[in-house]
């Protein structure tokens, strides 16, 4: 987003992402903490499916980017981290993630280091 951009926020409750083929592309910013990643991970999987389908069969969905910000106490509490890294590799520039850890006391593995902020 840039200064004066219009954004929509949704916190809690039932929510989903179901773009239709004629919809304009949107860029998503997903923010999760701890186990709150569950519904957002499902959204990421759906986006990946649509990107894969778009590339493979030329579907009519126009997709923007998805950026996930995901926080937990330490890297062991980051659920689905390997899957999320896999999605980022499969769809570079289309799906990105920034992990934030607040109480990490041990060394962070090399694979996660470029995507980790916090201590």
N, C-alpha and C. Protein backbone atom coordinates (compact mmCIF):
# COMPACT_ATOMS: atom_id res chain seq x y z
N UNK A 1 0.84 -1.18 0.00
CA UNK A 1 0.00 0.00 0.00
C UNK A 1 0.88 1.24 0.00
N UNK A 2 0.35 2.27 -0.51
CA UNK A 2 1.02 3.55 -0.47
C UNK A 2 0.17 4.51 0.34
N UNK A 3 0.73 5.64 0.68
CA UNK A 3 0.00 6.65 1.43
C UNK A 3 -1.30 6.98 0.71
N UNK A 4 -2.37 7.02 1.46
CA UNK A 4 -3.72 7.30 0.96
C UNK A 4 -4.35 6.14 0.20
N UNK A 5 -3.75 4.95 0.25
CA UNK A 5 -4.38 3.78 -0.37
C UNK A 5 -5.60 3.38 0.43
N UNK A 6 -6.60 2.86 -0.24
CA UNK A 6 -7.78 2.36 0.44
C UNK A 6 -7.56 0.88 0.75
N UNK A 7 -7.79 0.50 1.98
CA UNK A 7 -7.65 -0.89 2.39
C UNK A 7 -8.90 -1.33 3.13
N UNK A 8 -9.15 -2.63 3.11
CA UNK A 8 -10.26 -3.19 3.87
C UNK A 8 -9.68 -4.16 4.88
N UNK A 9 -10.15 -4.11 6.10
CA UNK A 9 -9.68 -4.99 7.16
C UNK A 9 -10.81 -5.86 7.65
N UNK A 10 -10.45 -7.06 8.04
CA UNK A 10 -11.44 -7.96 8.61
C UNK A 10 -10.76 -8.70 9.75
N UNK A 11 -11.34 -8.68 10.90
CA UNK A 11 -10.77 -9.33 12.08
C UNK A 11 -11.80 -10.30 12.63
N UNK A 12 -11.38 -11.56 12.79
CA UNK A 12 -12.24 -12.57 13.39
C UNK A 12 -13.45 -12.93 12.55
N UNK A 13 -14.23 -13.87 13.06
CA UNK A 13 -15.46 -14.26 12.38
C UNK A 13 -15.22 -15.16 11.18
N UNK A 14 -16.28 -15.36 10.41
CA UNK A 14 -16.20 -16.16 9.19
C UNK A 14 -15.68 -15.28 8.06
N UNK A 15 -14.65 -15.73 7.42
CA UNK A 15 -14.14 -14.99 6.28
C UNK A 15 -13.51 -15.94 5.29
N UNK A 16 -13.43 -15.50 4.04
CA UNK A 16 -12.91 -16.33 2.97
C UNK A 16 -12.46 -15.42 1.83
N UNK A 17 -11.75 -16.01 0.88
CA UNK A 17 -11.34 -15.30 -0.32
C UNK A 17 -11.79 -16.15 -1.50
N UNK A 18 -12.73 -15.63 -2.26
CA UNK A 18 -13.29 -16.38 -3.38
C UNK A 18 -13.44 -15.47 -4.59
N UNK A 19 -12.32 -15.14 -5.24
CA UNK A 19 -12.43 -14.25 -6.40
C UNK A 19 -13.14 -14.95 -7.55
N UNK A 20 -13.88 -14.18 -8.31
CA UNK A 20 -14.58 -14.69 -9.48
C UNK A 20 -13.80 -14.31 -10.74
N UNK A 21 -13.95 -15.06 -11.81
CA UNK A 21 -13.15 -14.82 -13.02
C UNK A 21 -13.20 -13.38 -13.53
N UNK A 22 -14.30 -12.69 -13.42
CA UNK A 22 -14.40 -11.33 -13.93
C UNK A 22 -13.93 -10.26 -12.97
N UNK A 23 -13.61 -10.62 -11.73
CA UNK A 23 -13.19 -9.64 -10.72
C UNK A 23 -11.85 -9.01 -11.08
N UNK A 24 -11.67 -7.76 -10.67
CA UNK A 24 -10.37 -7.11 -10.80
C UNK A 24 -9.40 -7.76 -9.82
N UNK A 25 -8.12 -7.80 -10.17
CA UNK A 25 -7.15 -8.39 -9.25
C UNK A 25 -7.01 -7.56 -7.98
N UNK A 26 -6.82 -8.23 -6.87
CA UNK A 26 -6.58 -7.55 -5.59
C UNK A 26 -5.28 -8.09 -5.00
N UNK A 27 -4.58 -7.23 -4.29
CA UNK A 27 -3.40 -7.64 -3.54
C UNK A 27 -3.83 -7.86 -2.10
N UNK A 28 -3.51 -9.04 -1.57
CA UNK A 28 -3.92 -9.37 -0.20
C UNK A 28 -2.75 -9.22 0.76
N UNK A 29 -3.03 -8.69 1.93
CA UNK A 29 -2.09 -8.69 3.05
C UNK A 29 -2.79 -9.48 4.15
N UNK A 30 -2.21 -10.62 4.49
CA UNK A 30 -2.78 -11.50 5.51
C UNK A 30 -1.91 -11.42 6.76
N UNK A 31 -2.53 -11.21 7.91
CA UNK A 31 -1.79 -11.06 9.17
C UNK A 31 -2.30 -12.10 10.15
N UNK A 32 -1.37 -12.93 10.66
CA UNK A 32 -1.76 -14.02 11.55
C UNK A 32 -0.80 -14.09 12.73
N UNK A 33 -1.33 -14.59 13.84
CA UNK A 33 -0.52 -14.86 15.02
C UNK A 33 -0.85 -16.25 15.53
N UNK A 34 0.18 -17.04 15.81
CA UNK A 34 -0.01 -18.37 16.38
C UNK A 34 -0.93 -19.25 15.56
N UNK A 35 -1.90 -19.89 16.23
CA UNK A 35 -2.81 -20.80 15.54
C UNK A 35 -3.82 -20.07 14.67
N UNK A 36 -3.84 -18.73 14.73
CA UNK A 36 -4.70 -17.95 13.86
C UNK A 36 -4.33 -18.09 12.39
N UNK A 37 -3.25 -18.79 12.10
CA UNK A 37 -2.83 -19.02 10.73
C UNK A 37 -3.77 -19.96 9.98
N UNK A 38 -4.51 -20.80 10.68
CA UNK A 38 -5.30 -21.84 10.01
C UNK A 38 -6.18 -21.34 8.88
N UNK A 39 -7.09 -20.40 9.08
CA UNK A 39 -7.91 -19.97 7.94
C UNK A 39 -7.10 -19.24 6.87
N UNK A 40 -6.06 -18.52 7.29
CA UNK A 40 -5.25 -17.79 6.31
C UNK A 40 -4.41 -18.74 5.48
N UNK A 41 -3.97 -19.84 6.07
CA UNK A 41 -3.23 -20.84 5.30
C UNK A 41 -4.14 -21.45 4.23
N UNK A 42 -5.39 -21.67 4.57
CA UNK A 42 -6.36 -22.17 3.58
C UNK A 42 -6.51 -21.17 2.43
N UNK A 43 -6.55 -19.89 2.76
CA UNK A 43 -6.64 -18.86 1.72
C UNK A 43 -5.39 -18.91 0.83
N UNK A 44 -4.21 -19.06 1.44
CA UNK A 44 -2.98 -19.16 0.65
C UNK A 44 -3.00 -20.37 -0.29
N UNK A 45 -3.49 -21.49 0.21
CA UNK A 45 -3.59 -22.69 -0.63
C UNK A 45 -4.54 -22.45 -1.80
N UNK A 46 -5.64 -21.76 -1.54
CA UNK A 46 -6.60 -21.44 -2.60
C UNK A 46 -5.96 -20.53 -3.65
N UNK A 47 -5.22 -19.53 -3.19
CA UNK A 47 -4.52 -18.62 -4.10
C UNK A 47 -3.51 -19.40 -4.94
N UNK A 48 -2.76 -20.30 -4.31
CA UNK A 48 -1.79 -21.11 -5.04
C UNK A 48 -2.49 -21.98 -6.09
N UNK A 49 -3.62 -22.57 -5.71
CA UNK A 49 -4.39 -23.37 -6.68
C UNK A 49 -4.81 -22.51 -7.88
N UNK A 50 -5.29 -21.31 -7.61
CA UNK A 50 -5.72 -20.44 -8.70
C UNK A 50 -4.54 -20.01 -9.56
N UNK A 51 -3.40 -19.70 -8.95
CA UNK A 51 -2.20 -19.35 -9.72
C UNK A 51 -1.76 -20.54 -10.58
N UNK A 52 -1.77 -21.73 -9.99
CA UNK A 52 -1.37 -22.93 -10.73
C UNK A 52 -2.32 -23.21 -11.88
N UNK A 53 -3.59 -23.05 -11.63
CA UNK A 53 -4.59 -23.27 -12.66
C UNK A 53 -4.45 -22.21 -13.75
N UNK A 54 -4.20 -20.99 -13.34
CA UNK A 54 -4.05 -19.88 -14.27
C UNK A 54 -2.87 -20.13 -15.21
N UNK A 55 -1.75 -20.59 -14.65
CA UNK A 55 -0.56 -20.83 -15.45
C UNK A 55 -0.73 -22.05 -16.34
N UNK A 56 -1.39 -23.09 -15.82
CA UNK A 56 -1.49 -24.33 -16.55
C UNK A 56 -2.59 -24.38 -17.59
N UNK A 57 -3.71 -23.71 -17.34
CA UNK A 57 -4.86 -23.86 -18.22
C UNK A 57 -5.45 -22.54 -18.68
N UNK A 58 -4.78 -21.45 -18.36
CA UNK A 58 -5.26 -20.16 -18.81
C UNK A 58 -6.62 -19.77 -18.28
N UNK A 59 -6.86 -19.94 -16.99
CA UNK A 59 -8.17 -19.55 -16.46
C UNK A 59 -8.34 -18.04 -16.51
N UNK A 60 -9.51 -17.57 -16.27
CA UNK A 60 -9.81 -16.15 -16.43
C UNK A 60 -9.69 -15.37 -15.13
N UNK A 61 -9.22 -15.99 -14.06
CA UNK A 61 -9.01 -15.25 -12.81
C UNK A 61 -7.83 -14.31 -12.97
N UNK A 62 -8.03 -13.09 -12.53
CA UNK A 62 -6.94 -12.12 -12.51
C UNK A 62 -6.52 -11.98 -11.05
N UNK A 63 -5.33 -12.46 -10.73
CA UNK A 63 -4.89 -12.49 -9.34
C UNK A 63 -3.79 -11.47 -9.09
N UNK A 64 -3.86 -10.85 -7.94
CA UNK A 64 -2.79 -9.97 -7.50
C UNK A 64 -1.80 -10.78 -6.68
N UNK A 65 -1.14 -10.12 -5.76
CA UNK A 65 -0.16 -10.78 -4.90
C UNK A 65 -0.77 -11.05 -3.53
N UNK A 66 -0.14 -11.96 -2.81
CA UNK A 66 -0.53 -12.26 -1.43
C UNK A 66 0.72 -12.17 -0.56
N UNK A 67 0.65 -11.35 0.47
CA UNK A 67 1.76 -11.19 1.41
C UNK A 67 1.25 -11.60 2.79
N UNK A 68 1.91 -12.57 3.39
CA UNK A 68 1.54 -13.06 4.72
C UNK A 68 2.53 -12.53 5.75
N UNK A 69 2.01 -11.95 6.81
CA UNK A 69 2.79 -11.59 7.99
C UNK A 69 2.32 -12.51 9.10
N UNK A 70 3.26 -13.30 9.63
CA UNK A 70 2.89 -14.35 10.58
C UNK A 70 3.82 -14.30 11.78
N UNK A 71 3.24 -14.16 12.97
CA UNK A 71 4.01 -14.01 14.20
C UNK A 71 3.74 -15.16 15.16
N UNK A 72 4.80 -15.56 15.87
CA UNK A 72 4.68 -16.56 16.92
C UNK A 72 5.83 -16.33 17.91
N UNK A 73 5.76 -17.03 19.04
CA UNK A 73 6.82 -16.88 20.05
C UNK A 73 8.18 -17.32 19.51
N UNK A 74 8.20 -18.44 18.80
CA UNK A 74 9.46 -18.95 18.25
C UNK A 74 9.17 -19.72 16.96
N UNK A 75 10.21 -20.11 16.27
CA UNK A 75 10.02 -20.76 14.98
C UNK A 75 9.31 -22.10 15.08
N UNK A 76 9.43 -22.78 16.23
CA UNK A 76 8.70 -24.06 16.35
C UNK A 76 7.21 -23.85 16.45
N UNK A 77 6.77 -22.65 16.83
CA UNK A 77 5.34 -22.35 16.91
C UNK A 77 4.76 -21.83 15.59
N UNK A 78 5.61 -21.67 14.58
CA UNK A 78 5.14 -21.23 13.26
C UNK A 78 4.59 -22.45 12.53
N UNK A 79 3.27 -22.61 12.55
CA UNK A 79 2.64 -23.75 11.89
C UNK A 79 2.74 -23.59 10.38
N UNK A 80 2.85 -24.69 9.66
CA UNK A 80 2.86 -24.73 8.20
C UNK A 80 4.03 -23.98 7.57
N UNK A 81 5.09 -23.70 8.33
CA UNK A 81 6.18 -22.88 7.80
C UNK A 81 6.83 -23.52 6.57
N UNK A 82 7.03 -24.83 6.57
CA UNK A 82 7.63 -25.50 5.41
C UNK A 82 6.70 -25.40 4.20
N UNK A 83 5.41 -25.55 4.43
CA UNK A 83 4.44 -25.44 3.34
C UNK A 83 4.42 -24.02 2.77
N UNK A 84 4.48 -23.04 3.65
CA UNK A 84 4.46 -21.65 3.22
C UNK A 84 5.71 -21.34 2.41
N UNK A 85 6.87 -21.81 2.86
CA UNK A 85 8.11 -21.62 2.10
C UNK A 85 7.99 -22.27 0.73
N UNK A 86 7.36 -23.44 0.67
CA UNK A 86 7.15 -24.12 -0.60
C UNK A 86 6.27 -23.32 -1.55
N UNK A 87 5.22 -22.70 -1.02
CA UNK A 87 4.35 -21.86 -1.84
C UNK A 87 5.10 -20.65 -2.38
N UNK A 88 5.97 -20.07 -1.54
CA UNK A 88 6.76 -18.92 -1.99
C UNK A 88 7.71 -19.32 -3.11
N UNK A 89 8.30 -20.51 -3.01
CA UNK A 89 9.20 -20.99 -4.07
C UNK A 89 8.43 -21.31 -5.34
N UNK A 90 7.25 -21.88 -5.20
CA UNK A 90 6.45 -22.26 -6.37
C UNK A 90 5.89 -21.03 -7.10
N UNK A 91 5.62 -19.96 -6.36
CA UNK A 91 5.01 -18.76 -6.95
C UNK A 91 5.78 -17.51 -6.54
N UNK A 92 7.05 -17.41 -6.98
CA UNK A 92 7.88 -16.27 -6.55
C UNK A 92 7.27 -14.94 -6.98
N UNK A 93 7.26 -14.01 -6.04
CA UNK A 93 6.72 -12.69 -6.30
C UNK A 93 5.21 -12.62 -6.21
N UNK A 94 4.54 -13.77 -6.24
CA UNK A 94 3.09 -13.79 -6.16
C UNK A 94 2.62 -14.09 -4.74
N UNK A 95 3.37 -14.97 -4.06
CA UNK A 95 3.09 -15.30 -2.65
C UNK A 95 4.38 -15.06 -1.88
N UNK A 96 4.31 -14.17 -0.89
CA UNK A 96 5.48 -13.89 -0.05
C UNK A 96 5.08 -13.93 1.42
N UNK A 97 6.08 -14.07 2.27
CA UNK A 97 5.81 -14.18 3.70
C UNK A 97 6.93 -13.56 4.50
N UNK A 98 6.54 -12.96 5.60
CA UNK A 98 7.49 -12.47 6.59
C UNK A 98 7.09 -13.06 7.94
N UNK A 99 7.95 -13.89 8.50
CA UNK A 99 7.70 -14.47 9.82
C UNK A 99 8.29 -13.53 10.87
N UNK A 100 7.60 -13.42 12.00
CA UNK A 100 8.10 -12.61 13.11
C UNK A 100 8.07 -13.47 14.37
N UNK A 101 9.21 -13.57 15.03
CA UNK A 101 9.27 -14.32 16.28
C UNK A 101 9.61 -13.36 17.41
N UNK A 102 8.98 -13.58 18.55
CA UNK A 102 9.12 -12.63 19.67
C UNK A 102 10.00 -13.14 20.81
N UNK A 103 10.14 -14.47 20.94
CA UNK A 103 10.89 -15.00 22.08
C UNK A 103 11.84 -16.12 21.68
N UNK A 104 12.44 -16.03 20.51
CA UNK A 104 13.36 -17.07 20.03
C UNK A 104 14.66 -16.99 20.81
N UNK A 105 15.07 -18.11 21.41
CA UNK A 105 16.32 -18.15 22.16
C UNK A 105 17.37 -19.01 21.46
N UNK A 106 16.96 -19.87 20.56
CA UNK A 106 17.90 -20.74 19.85
C UNK A 106 18.17 -20.18 18.46
N UNK A 107 19.16 -20.78 17.81
CA UNK A 107 19.54 -20.39 16.46
C UNK A 107 18.38 -20.64 15.49
N UNK A 108 18.17 -19.74 14.55
CA UNK A 108 17.14 -19.90 13.53
C UNK A 108 17.76 -20.60 12.33
N UNK A 109 17.08 -21.62 11.81
CA UNK A 109 17.63 -22.39 10.70
C UNK A 109 17.84 -21.48 9.48
N UNK A 110 18.82 -21.84 8.65
CA UNK A 110 19.18 -21.02 7.49
C UNK A 110 18.02 -20.80 6.53
N UNK A 111 17.19 -21.82 6.35
CA UNK A 111 16.08 -21.72 5.40
C UNK A 111 15.09 -20.62 5.79
N UNK A 112 14.90 -20.42 7.10
CA UNK A 112 13.95 -19.41 7.58
C UNK A 112 14.57 -18.03 7.76
N UNK A 113 15.88 -17.96 7.95
CA UNK A 113 16.53 -16.69 8.30
C UNK A 113 16.18 -15.52 7.37
N UNK A 114 16.12 -15.69 6.05
CA UNK A 114 15.79 -14.54 5.21
C UNK A 114 14.36 -14.01 5.40
N UNK A 115 13.51 -14.81 6.02
CA UNK A 115 12.11 -14.45 6.14
C UNK A 115 11.71 -14.10 7.58
N UNK A 116 12.68 -14.06 8.50
CA UNK A 116 12.42 -13.83 9.92
C UNK A 116 12.75 -12.39 10.31
N UNK A 117 11.83 -11.79 11.07
CA UNK A 117 12.13 -10.53 11.74
C UNK A 117 11.94 -10.75 13.23
N UNK A 118 12.37 -9.82 14.01
CA UNK A 118 12.26 -9.98 15.46
C UNK A 118 13.50 -10.66 15.99
N UNK A 119 13.44 -11.07 17.24
CA UNK A 119 14.60 -11.71 17.87
C UNK A 119 14.61 -13.17 17.56
